[in-house]
Amino acid sequence: QTSGGCYSTITNIMSDAVFICMSTRQLALLIHLKNSFSKIFQVIHVDLNGNSWYTNYTGEVVGRKEIENDLAQRIKYWISKHQTALRLLNDLQTLYSFPLFLHFGYVSMAIATGAVTVLKGNMSQLEYCFVGTHLLGISFTLLVICRIGDFIQIQVNLRVVT
């Protein structure tokens, strides 16, 4: 009971709830930056003959100089948002790297202990149900946390490629 109480308190304060909120927000920000970056360059058009023309963001045909100024402003704005996103990502990693390591270690021990308890086979059916539900719950939580980290890493790598 003490272990369960500590686990519930620690996961709510240190990792699960707050980390998942912060990391999914960061993931959404990275995806938004990637999508907005691709939209910046939709103003340059080339036909099949190789002739190029430029349209502003309302669809009107404009000159090259006018669109270059607009592109420069939009790219500067995107770069500032990108740098903010990277700073937030570094802050998130600095803040949560050690608590998540502790959480991963605790969940690994809990899964191993639960598996040993189930393998011993001296429990009632109701106890098997409780232990199995607990193991599935913490395994799913661990999967979600690891998957969010993977998605953030994937988006960072895609951002670098595009």
N, C-alpha and C. Protein backbone atom coordinates (compact mmCIF):
# COMPACT_ATOMS: atom_id res chain seq x y z
N GLN A 1 0.82 -1.19 0.00
CA GLN A 1 0.00 0.00 0.00
C GLN A 1 0.87 1.26 0.00
N THR A 2 1.95 1.20 0.74
CA THR A 2 2.85 2.36 0.77
C THR A 2 3.44 2.60 -0.61
N SER A 3 3.85 1.52 -1.26
CA SER A 3 4.42 1.64 -2.60
C SER A 3 3.39 2.20 -3.57
N GLY A 4 2.17 1.70 -3.49
CA GLY A 4 1.12 2.20 -4.37
C GLY A 4 0.80 3.66 -4.12
N GLY A 5 0.77 4.06 -2.84
CA GLY A 5 0.51 5.46 -2.52
C GLY A 5 1.61 6.37 -3.01
N CYS A 6 2.86 5.95 -2.82
CA CYS A 6 3.99 6.75 -3.30
C CYS A 6 3.97 6.82 -4.82
N TYR A 7 3.67 5.70 -5.46
CA TYR A 7 3.65 5.66 -6.92
C TYR A 7 2.60 6.63 -7.46
N SER A 8 1.40 6.61 -6.89
CA SER A 8 0.33 7.49 -7.37
C SER A 8 0.71 8.95 -7.20
N THR A 9 1.24 9.30 -6.05
CA THR A 9 1.63 10.69 -5.80
C THR A 9 2.77 11.12 -6.70
N ILE A 10 3.78 10.29 -6.80
CA ILE A 10 4.96 10.64 -7.60
C ILE A 10 4.60 10.77 -9.07
N THR A 11 3.78 9.85 -9.59
CA THR A 11 3.45 9.93 -11.01
C THR A 11 2.63 11.17 -11.32
N ASN A 12 1.75 11.57 -10.43
CA ASN A 12 0.96 12.77 -10.69
C ASN A 12 1.79 14.03 -10.57
N ILE A 13 2.71 14.07 -9.63
CA ILE A 13 3.51 15.27 -9.43
C ILE A 13 4.68 15.32 -10.41
N MET A 14 5.43 14.23 -10.52
CA MET A 14 6.68 14.26 -11.27
C MET A 14 6.53 13.99 -12.75
N SER A 15 5.69 13.06 -13.13
CA SER A 15 5.82 12.67 -14.53
C SER A 15 4.53 12.62 -15.30
N ASP A 16 3.70 11.65 -15.05
CA ASP A 16 2.64 11.32 -16.00
C ASP A 16 1.79 12.50 -16.45
N ALA A 17 0.98 13.02 -15.56
CA ALA A 17 -0.03 14.00 -15.97
C ALA A 17 0.60 15.26 -16.55
N VAL A 18 1.51 15.86 -15.84
CA VAL A 18 2.11 17.12 -16.29
C VAL A 18 3.00 16.87 -17.51
N PHE A 19 3.79 15.80 -17.48
CA PHE A 19 4.68 15.52 -18.61
C PHE A 19 3.88 15.27 -19.88
N ILE A 20 2.82 14.50 -19.78
CA ILE A 20 2.03 14.20 -20.98
C ILE A 20 1.42 15.49 -21.53
N CYS A 21 0.91 16.36 -20.67
CA CYS A 21 0.35 17.64 -21.14
C CYS A 21 1.43 18.49 -21.81
N MET A 22 2.57 18.64 -21.16
CA MET A 22 3.63 19.48 -21.71
C MET A 22 4.20 18.90 -23.00
N SER A 23 4.42 17.59 -23.02
CA SER A 23 5.05 17.00 -24.20
C SER A 23 4.10 16.96 -25.39
N THR A 24 2.81 16.72 -25.16
CA THR A 24 1.88 16.75 -26.30
C THR A 24 1.72 18.17 -26.83
N ARG A 25 1.80 19.17 -25.95
CA ARG A 25 1.78 20.56 -26.40
C ARG A 25 3.01 20.84 -27.26
N GLN A 26 4.16 20.36 -26.82
CA GLN A 26 5.39 20.56 -27.57
C GLN A 26 5.32 19.84 -28.91
N LEU A 27 4.77 18.64 -28.92
CA LEU A 27 4.61 17.88 -30.16
C LEU A 27 3.70 18.63 -31.13
N ALA A 28 2.60 19.16 -30.63
CA ALA A 28 1.68 19.92 -31.48
C ALA A 28 2.37 21.17 -32.03
N LEU A 29 3.18 21.82 -31.22
CA LEU A 29 3.90 23.01 -31.67
C LEU A 29 4.89 22.66 -32.78
N LEU A 30 5.61 21.56 -32.65
CA LEU A 30 6.55 21.15 -33.70
C LEU A 30 5.82 20.82 -35.00
N ILE A 31 4.69 20.13 -34.91
CA ILE A 31 3.92 19.80 -36.11
C ILE A 31 3.38 21.07 -36.75
N HIS A 32 2.90 22.00 -35.94
CA HIS A 32 2.40 23.28 -36.46
C HIS A 32 3.53 24.05 -37.16
N LEU A 33 4.71 24.07 -36.57
CA LEU A 33 5.83 24.77 -37.20
C LEU A 33 6.19 24.15 -38.54
N LYS A 34 6.17 22.82 -38.60
CA LYS A 34 6.49 22.15 -39.86
C LYS A 34 5.46 22.49 -40.93
N ASN A 35 4.19 22.46 -40.56
CA ASN A 35 3.14 22.78 -41.52
C ASN A 35 3.17 24.24 -41.95
N SER A 36 3.42 25.15 -41.01
CA SER A 36 3.46 26.57 -41.37
C SER A 36 4.69 26.88 -42.23
N PHE A 37 5.78 26.15 -42.02
CA PHE A 37 6.97 26.37 -42.85
C PHE A 37 6.69 25.98 -44.29
N SER A 38 5.98 24.87 -44.49
CA SER A 38 5.68 24.45 -45.86
C SER A 38 4.72 25.43 -46.54
N LYS A 39 3.85 26.09 -45.77
CA LYS A 39 2.91 27.05 -46.36
C LYS A 39 3.58 28.36 -46.75
N ILE A 40 4.71 28.67 -46.14
CA ILE A 40 5.39 29.93 -46.47
C ILE A 40 5.76 29.98 -47.94
N PHE A 41 6.17 28.85 -48.50
CA PHE A 41 6.69 28.83 -49.86
C PHE A 41 5.64 28.46 -50.90
N GLN A 42 4.37 28.49 -50.54
CA GLN A 42 3.32 28.20 -51.52
C GLN A 42 2.99 29.40 -52.39
N VAL A 43 3.74 30.46 -52.29
CA VAL A 43 3.48 31.67 -53.07
C VAL A 43 4.25 31.67 -54.38
N ILE A 44 5.19 30.75 -54.54
CA ILE A 44 5.99 30.67 -55.75
C ILE A 44 5.41 29.57 -56.62
N HIS A 45 5.09 29.92 -57.88
CA HIS A 45 4.47 28.96 -58.79
C HIS A 45 5.31 28.85 -60.05
N VAL A 46 5.37 27.66 -60.60
CA VAL A 46 6.10 27.42 -61.85
C VAL A 46 5.19 26.61 -62.76
N ASP A 47 5.01 27.08 -64.02
CA ASP A 47 4.18 26.31 -64.95
C ASP A 47 5.02 25.26 -65.66
N LEU A 48 4.40 24.51 -66.56
CA LEU A 48 5.10 23.42 -67.25
C LEU A 48 6.21 23.91 -68.16
N ASN A 49 6.14 25.15 -68.62
CA ASN A 49 7.18 25.71 -69.49
C ASN A 49 8.37 26.26 -68.71
N GLY A 50 8.28 26.28 -67.39
CA GLY A 50 9.38 26.78 -66.57
C GLY A 50 9.24 28.24 -66.19
N ASN A 51 8.14 28.87 -66.57
CA ASN A 51 7.91 30.27 -66.21
C ASN A 51 7.41 30.33 -64.77
N SER A 52 7.93 31.28 -64.03
CA SER A 52 7.51 31.40 -62.64
C SER A 52 6.73 32.69 -62.43
N TRP A 53 5.82 32.65 -61.49
CA TRP A 53 5.08 33.83 -61.08
C TRP A 53 4.82 33.72 -59.59
N TYR A 54 4.44 34.82 -59.02
CA TYR A 54 4.29 34.89 -57.58
C TYR A 54 2.89 35.39 -57.23
N THR A 55 2.34 34.81 -56.20
CA THR A 55 1.05 35.28 -55.69
C THR A 55 1.22 35.59 -54.21
N ASN A 56 0.46 36.59 -53.77
CA ASN A 56 0.51 36.85 -52.33
C ASN A 56 -0.44 35.87 -51.63
N TYR A 57 -0.64 36.05 -50.35
CA TYR A 57 -1.40 35.06 -49.58
C TYR A 57 -2.90 35.19 -49.75
N THR A 58 -3.32 36.21 -50.53
CA THR A 58 -4.74 36.32 -50.86
C THR A 58 -5.00 35.81 -52.27
N GLY A 59 -3.96 35.40 -52.98
CA GLY A 59 -4.12 34.83 -54.32
C GLY A 59 -3.88 35.81 -55.46
N GLU A 60 -3.54 37.05 -55.18
CA GLU A 60 -3.29 38.05 -56.22
C GLU A 60 -1.87 37.90 -56.75
N VAL A 61 -1.72 38.08 -58.06
CA VAL A 61 -0.40 38.01 -58.68
C VAL A 61 0.36 39.28 -58.32
N VAL A 62 1.59 39.11 -57.85
CA VAL A 62 2.41 40.25 -57.42
C VAL A 62 3.81 40.11 -58.01
N GLY A 63 4.59 41.17 -57.86
CA GLY A 63 5.96 41.16 -58.35
C GLY A 63 6.91 40.43 -57.41
N ARG A 64 8.06 40.13 -57.96
CA ARG A 64 9.05 39.36 -57.19
C ARG A 64 9.53 40.12 -55.96
N LYS A 65 9.78 41.41 -56.09
CA LYS A 65 10.31 42.18 -54.97
C LYS A 65 9.30 42.23 -53.81
N GLU A 66 8.03 42.41 -54.17
CA GLU A 66 7.00 42.47 -53.13
C GLU A 66 6.89 41.14 -52.37
N ILE A 67 6.97 40.05 -53.09
CA ILE A 67 6.83 38.75 -52.43
C ILE A 67 8.09 38.41 -51.64
N GLU A 68 9.26 38.88 -52.09
CA GLU A 68 10.49 38.62 -51.33
C GLU A 68 10.44 39.29 -49.96
N ASN A 69 9.93 40.51 -49.91
CA ASN A 69 9.80 41.19 -48.61
C ASN A 69 8.83 40.44 -47.70
N ASP A 70 7.72 39.99 -48.28
CA ASP A 70 6.73 39.26 -47.49
C ASP A 70 7.30 37.93 -47.00
N LEU A 71 8.03 37.24 -47.89
CA LEU A 71 8.67 35.97 -47.50
C LEU A 71 9.70 36.19 -46.40
N ALA A 72 10.48 37.25 -46.51
CA ALA A 72 11.50 37.52 -45.49
C ALA A 72 10.85 37.76 -44.13
N GLN A 73 9.76 38.51 -44.11
CA GLN A 73 9.07 38.75 -42.83
C GLN A 73 8.51 37.45 -42.26
N ARG A 74 7.90 36.65 -43.12
CA ARG A 74 7.32 35.39 -42.63
C ARG A 74 8.40 34.42 -42.15
N ILE A 75 9.52 34.37 -42.83
CA ILE A 75 10.60 33.47 -42.41
C ILE A 75 11.21 33.95 -41.09
N LYS A 76 11.37 35.26 -40.92
CA LYS A 76 11.88 35.77 -39.64
C LYS A 76 10.93 35.41 -38.50
N TYR A 77 9.64 35.56 -38.74
CA TYR A 77 8.65 35.20 -37.72
C TYR A 77 8.74 33.70 -37.41
N TRP A 78 8.85 32.87 -38.45
CA TRP A 78 8.92 31.42 -38.26
C TRP A 78 10.18 31.04 -37.49
N ILE A 79 11.30 31.69 -37.81
CA ILE A 79 12.56 31.39 -37.12
C ILE A 79 12.45 31.72 -35.63
N SER A 80 11.82 32.85 -35.32
CA SER A 80 11.67 33.19 -33.89
C SER A 80 10.80 32.16 -33.17
N LYS A 81 9.73 31.71 -33.81
CA LYS A 81 8.88 30.68 -33.20
C LYS A 81 9.63 29.36 -33.09
N HIS A 82 10.43 29.05 -34.09
CA HIS A 82 11.21 27.81 -34.09
C HIS A 82 12.23 27.82 -32.95
N GLN A 83 12.90 28.93 -32.75
CA GLN A 83 13.86 29.03 -31.66
C GLN A 83 13.17 28.92 -30.30
N THR A 84 11.98 29.49 -30.18
CA THR A 84 11.21 29.35 -28.94
C THR A 84 10.84 27.90 -28.70
N ALA A 85 10.42 27.21 -29.77
CA ALA A 85 10.05 25.79 -29.63
C ALA A 85 11.25 24.95 -29.21
N LEU A 86 12.41 25.23 -29.79
CA LEU A 86 13.61 24.47 -29.40
C LEU A 86 14.01 24.76 -27.96
N ARG A 87 13.88 26.01 -27.53
CA ARG A 87 14.19 26.35 -26.14
C ARG A 87 13.23 25.63 -25.19
N LEU A 88 11.95 25.61 -25.53
CA LEU A 88 10.97 24.90 -24.70
C LEU A 88 11.26 23.40 -24.68
N LEU A 89 11.67 22.85 -25.82
CA LEU A 89 12.00 21.43 -25.88
C LEU A 89 13.20 21.11 -25.00
N ASN A 90 14.21 21.96 -25.03
CA ASN A 90 15.37 21.75 -24.17
C ASN A 90 15.01 21.88 -22.69
N ASP A 91 14.15 22.86 -22.37
CA ASP A 91 13.69 23.01 -20.98
C ASP A 91 12.91 21.79 -20.53
N LEU A 92 12.05 21.28 -21.41
CA LEU A 92 11.27 20.09 -21.09
C LEU A 92 12.17 18.89 -20.84
N GLN A 93 13.18 18.73 -21.70
CA GLN A 93 14.10 17.61 -21.54
C GLN A 93 14.91 17.75 -20.25
N THR A 94 15.38 18.96 -19.95
CA THR A 94 16.15 19.18 -18.73
C THR A 94 15.30 18.93 -17.49
N LEU A 95 14.06 19.38 -17.53
CA LEU A 95 13.18 19.25 -16.38
C LEU A 95 12.78 17.80 -16.11
N TYR A 96 12.50 17.05 -17.16
CA TYR A 96 11.90 15.73 -16.97
C TYR A 96 12.82 14.55 -17.21
N SER A 97 14.05 14.75 -17.60
CA SER A 97 14.89 13.60 -17.91
C SER A 97 15.15 12.73 -16.68
N PHE A 98 15.52 13.29 -15.56
CA PHE A 98 15.80 12.48 -14.37
C PHE A 98 14.53 11.90 -13.75
N PRO A 99 13.45 12.68 -13.56
CA PRO A 99 12.22 12.07 -13.03
C PRO A 99 11.66 10.96 -13.91
N LEU A 100 11.78 11.12 -15.23
CA LEU A 100 11.29 10.05 -16.11
C LEU A 100 12.17 8.81 -16.02
N PHE A 101 13.46 9.02 -15.80
CA PHE A 101 14.34 7.87 -15.59
C PHE A 101 13.93 7.12 -14.33
N LEU A 102 13.67 7.86 -13.25
CA LEU A 102 13.21 7.22 -12.01
C LEU A 102 11.87 6.53 -12.21
N HIS A 103 10.98 7.18 -12.93
CA HIS A 103 9.67 6.59 -13.21
C HIS A 103 9.81 5.31 -14.03
N PHE A 104 10.67 5.34 -15.03
CA PHE A 104 10.90 4.15 -15.85
C PHE A 104 11.46 3.01 -15.00
N GLY A 105 12.40 3.33 -14.11
CA GLY A 105 12.95 2.30 -13.22
C GLY A 105 11.90 1.72 -12.30
N TYR A 106 11.06 2.59 -11.72
CA TYR A 106 10.01 2.11 -10.82
C TYR A 106 9.00 1.25 -11.57
N VAL A 107 8.58 1.69 -12.74
CA VAL A 107 7.60 0.91 -13.51
C VAL A 107 8.20 -0.43 -13.92
N SER A 108 9.46 -0.44 -14.30
CA SER A 108 10.11 -1.70 -14.65
C SER A 108 10.13 -2.65 -13.46
N MET A 109 10.45 -2.12 -12.28
CA MET A 109 10.43 -2.98 -11.08
C MET A 109 9.02 -3.45 -10.76
N ALA A 110 8.03 -2.58 -10.91
CA ALA A 110 6.64 -2.96 -10.62
C ALA A 110 6.16 -4.03 -11.60
N ILE A 111 6.53 -3.90 -12.86
CA ILE A 111 6.13 -4.91 -13.84
C ILE A 111 6.81 -6.24 -13.53
N ALA A 112 8.10 -6.19 -13.21
CA ALA A 112 8.81 -7.43 -12.88
C ALA A 112 8.24 -8.08 -11.62
N THR A 113 7.97 -7.28 -10.60
CA THR A 113 7.41 -7.82 -9.36
C THR A 113 6.03 -8.40 -9.60
N GLY A 114 5.21 -7.70 -10.37
CA GLY A 114 3.88 -8.22 -10.70
C GLY A 114 3.94 -9.50 -11.50
N ALA A 115 4.89 -9.57 -12.42
CA ALA A 115 5.03 -10.79 -13.22
C ALA A 115 5.44 -11.97 -12.34
N VAL A 116 6.35 -11.74 -11.41
CA VAL A 116 6.76 -12.81 -10.48
C VAL A 116 5.59 -13.24 -9.61
N THR A 117 4.81 -12.28 -9.15
CA THR A 117 3.64 -12.59 -8.32
C THR A 117 2.65 -13.44 -9.09
N VAL A 118 2.41 -13.10 -10.33
CA VAL A 118 1.48 -13.87 -11.15
C VAL A 118 2.04 -15.27 -11.43
N LEU A 119 3.33 -15.37 -11.68
CA LEU A 119 3.93 -16.67 -11.99
C LEU A 119 3.97 -17.62 -10.79
N LYS A 120 4.00 -17.08 -9.59
CA LYS A 120 3.99 -17.95 -8.40
C LYS A 120 2.70 -18.74 -8.32
N GLY A 121 1.61 -18.13 -8.72
CA GLY A 121 0.35 -18.85 -8.84
C GLY A 121 -0.38 -19.15 -7.55
N ASN A 122 -0.16 -18.44 -6.48
CA ASN A 122 -0.85 -18.72 -5.22
C ASN A 122 -1.80 -17.58 -4.84
N MET A 123 -2.55 -17.07 -5.83
CA MET A 123 -3.49 -15.98 -5.59
C MET A 123 -4.88 -16.42 -6.02
N SER A 124 -5.86 -15.70 -5.52
CA SER A 124 -7.23 -15.96 -5.95
C SER A 124 -7.47 -15.31 -7.31
N GLN A 125 -8.59 -15.63 -7.91
CA GLN A 125 -8.90 -15.09 -9.23
C GLN A 125 -9.08 -13.57 -9.17
N LEU A 126 -9.66 -13.08 -8.11
CA LEU A 126 -9.85 -11.64 -7.95
C LEU A 126 -8.50 -10.92 -7.82
N GLU A 127 -7.57 -11.53 -7.10
CA GLU A 127 -6.23 -10.94 -6.96
C GLU A 127 -5.51 -10.92 -8.31
N TYR A 128 -5.67 -11.99 -9.09
CA TYR A 128 -5.10 -11.99 -10.44
C TYR A 128 -5.67 -10.84 -11.27
N CYS A 129 -6.95 -10.61 -11.12
CA CYS A 129 -7.60 -9.53 -11.86
C CYS A 129 -7.02 -8.17 -11.45
N PHE A 130 -6.86 -7.95 -10.15
CA PHE A 130 -6.30 -6.68 -9.68
C PHE A 130 -4.85 -6.48 -10.14
N VAL A 131 -4.04 -7.52 -9.96
CA VAL A 131 -2.63 -7.42 -10.36
C VAL A 131 -2.52 -7.24 -11.87
N GLY A 132 -3.30 -7.99 -12.63
CA GLY A 132 -3.27 -7.86 -14.09
C GLY A 132 -3.69 -6.48 -14.56
N THR A 133 -4.74 -5.94 -13.95
CA THR A 133 -5.20 -4.60 -14.31
C THR A 133 -4.13 -3.56 -13.98
N HIS A 134 -3.51 -3.69 -12.82
CA HIS A 134 -2.44 -2.76 -12.44
C HIS A 134 -1.27 -2.84 -13.42
N LEU A 135 -0.87 -4.06 -13.77
CA LEU A 135 0.25 -4.23 -14.70
C LEU A 135 -0.09 -3.66 -16.07
N LEU A 136 -1.30 -3.91 -16.54
CA LEU A 136 -1.70 -3.35 -17.83
C LEU A 136 -1.72 -1.82 -17.79
N GLY A 137 -2.21 -1.27 -16.70
CA GLY A 137 -2.28 0.18 -16.57
C GLY A 137 -0.91 0.84 -16.59
N ILE A 138 0.02 0.33 -15.79
CA ILE A 138 1.34 0.97 -15.76
C ILE A 138 2.11 0.68 -17.05
N SER A 139 1.87 -0.48 -17.66
CA SER A 139 2.52 -0.76 -18.95
C SER A 139 2.01 0.20 -20.02
N PHE A 140 0.71 0.45 -20.02
CA PHE A 140 0.15 1.39 -20.99
C PHE A 140 0.67 2.80 -20.75
N THR A 141 0.76 3.21 -19.49
CA THR A 141 1.30 4.53 -19.17
C THR A 141 2.74 4.66 -19.66
N LEU A 142 3.53 3.63 -19.42
CA LEU A 142 4.92 3.64 -19.88
C LEU A 142 4.98 3.70 -21.40
N LEU A 143 4.11 2.96 -22.07
CA LEU A 143 4.06 2.98 -23.53
C LEU A 143 3.72 4.38 -24.04
N VAL A 144 2.74 5.03 -23.43
CA VAL A 144 2.35 6.37 -23.85
C VAL A 144 3.50 7.35 -23.67
N ILE A 145 4.16 7.30 -22.53
CA ILE A 145 5.28 8.22 -22.28
C ILE A 145 6.41 7.99 -23.29
N CYS A 146 6.76 6.74 -23.54
CA CYS A 146 7.83 6.44 -24.50
C CYS A 146 7.43 6.84 -25.91
N ARG A 147 6.16 6.63 -26.27
CA ARG A 147 5.70 6.95 -27.62
C ARG A 147 5.69 8.46 -27.85
N ILE A 148 5.30 9.22 -26.83
CA ILE A 148 5.33 10.68 -26.97
C ILE A 148 6.77 11.15 -27.19
N GLY A 149 7.70 10.58 -26.44
CA GLY A 149 9.12 10.91 -26.65
C GLY A 149 9.57 10.57 -28.06
N ASP A 150 9.12 9.41 -28.57
CA ASP A 150 9.46 9.04 -29.95
C ASP A 150 8.87 10.02 -30.95
N PHE A 151 7.61 10.40 -30.75
CA PHE A 151 6.97 11.34 -31.68
C PHE A 151 7.69 12.68 -31.69
N ILE A 152 8.11 13.15 -30.53
CA ILE A 152 8.84 14.42 -30.48
C ILE A 152 10.16 14.28 -31.23
N GLN A 153 10.87 13.18 -31.02
CA GLN A 153 12.13 12.97 -31.73
C GLN A 153 11.91 12.86 -33.23
N ILE A 154 10.84 12.18 -33.64
CA ILE A 154 10.52 12.06 -35.07
C ILE A 154 10.25 13.44 -35.66
N GLN A 155 9.46 14.26 -34.97
CA GLN A 155 9.14 15.59 -35.48
C GLN A 155 10.38 16.48 -35.54
N VAL A 156 11.26 16.36 -34.57
CA VAL A 156 12.50 17.14 -34.61
C VAL A 156 13.33 16.71 -35.81
N ASN A 157 13.43 15.42 -36.07
CA ASN A 157 14.20 14.93 -37.22
C ASN A 157 13.54 15.34 -38.53
N LEU A 158 12.21 15.28 -38.62
CA LEU A 158 11.52 15.71 -39.84
C LEU A 158 11.72 17.19 -40.08
N ARG A 159 11.72 17.98 -39.01
CA ARG A 159 11.91 19.41 -39.14
C ARG A 159 13.28 19.71 -39.73
N VAL A 160 14.28 18.94 -39.31
CA VAL A 160 15.63 19.16 -39.82
C VAL A 160 15.71 18.78 -41.30
N VAL A 161 15.00 17.70 -41.69
CA VAL A 161 15.04 17.24 -43.07
C VAL A 161 14.31 18.20 -43.99
N THR A 162 13.12 18.69 -43.56
CA THR A 162 12.34 19.58 -44.42
C THR A 162 12.85 20.95 -44.27
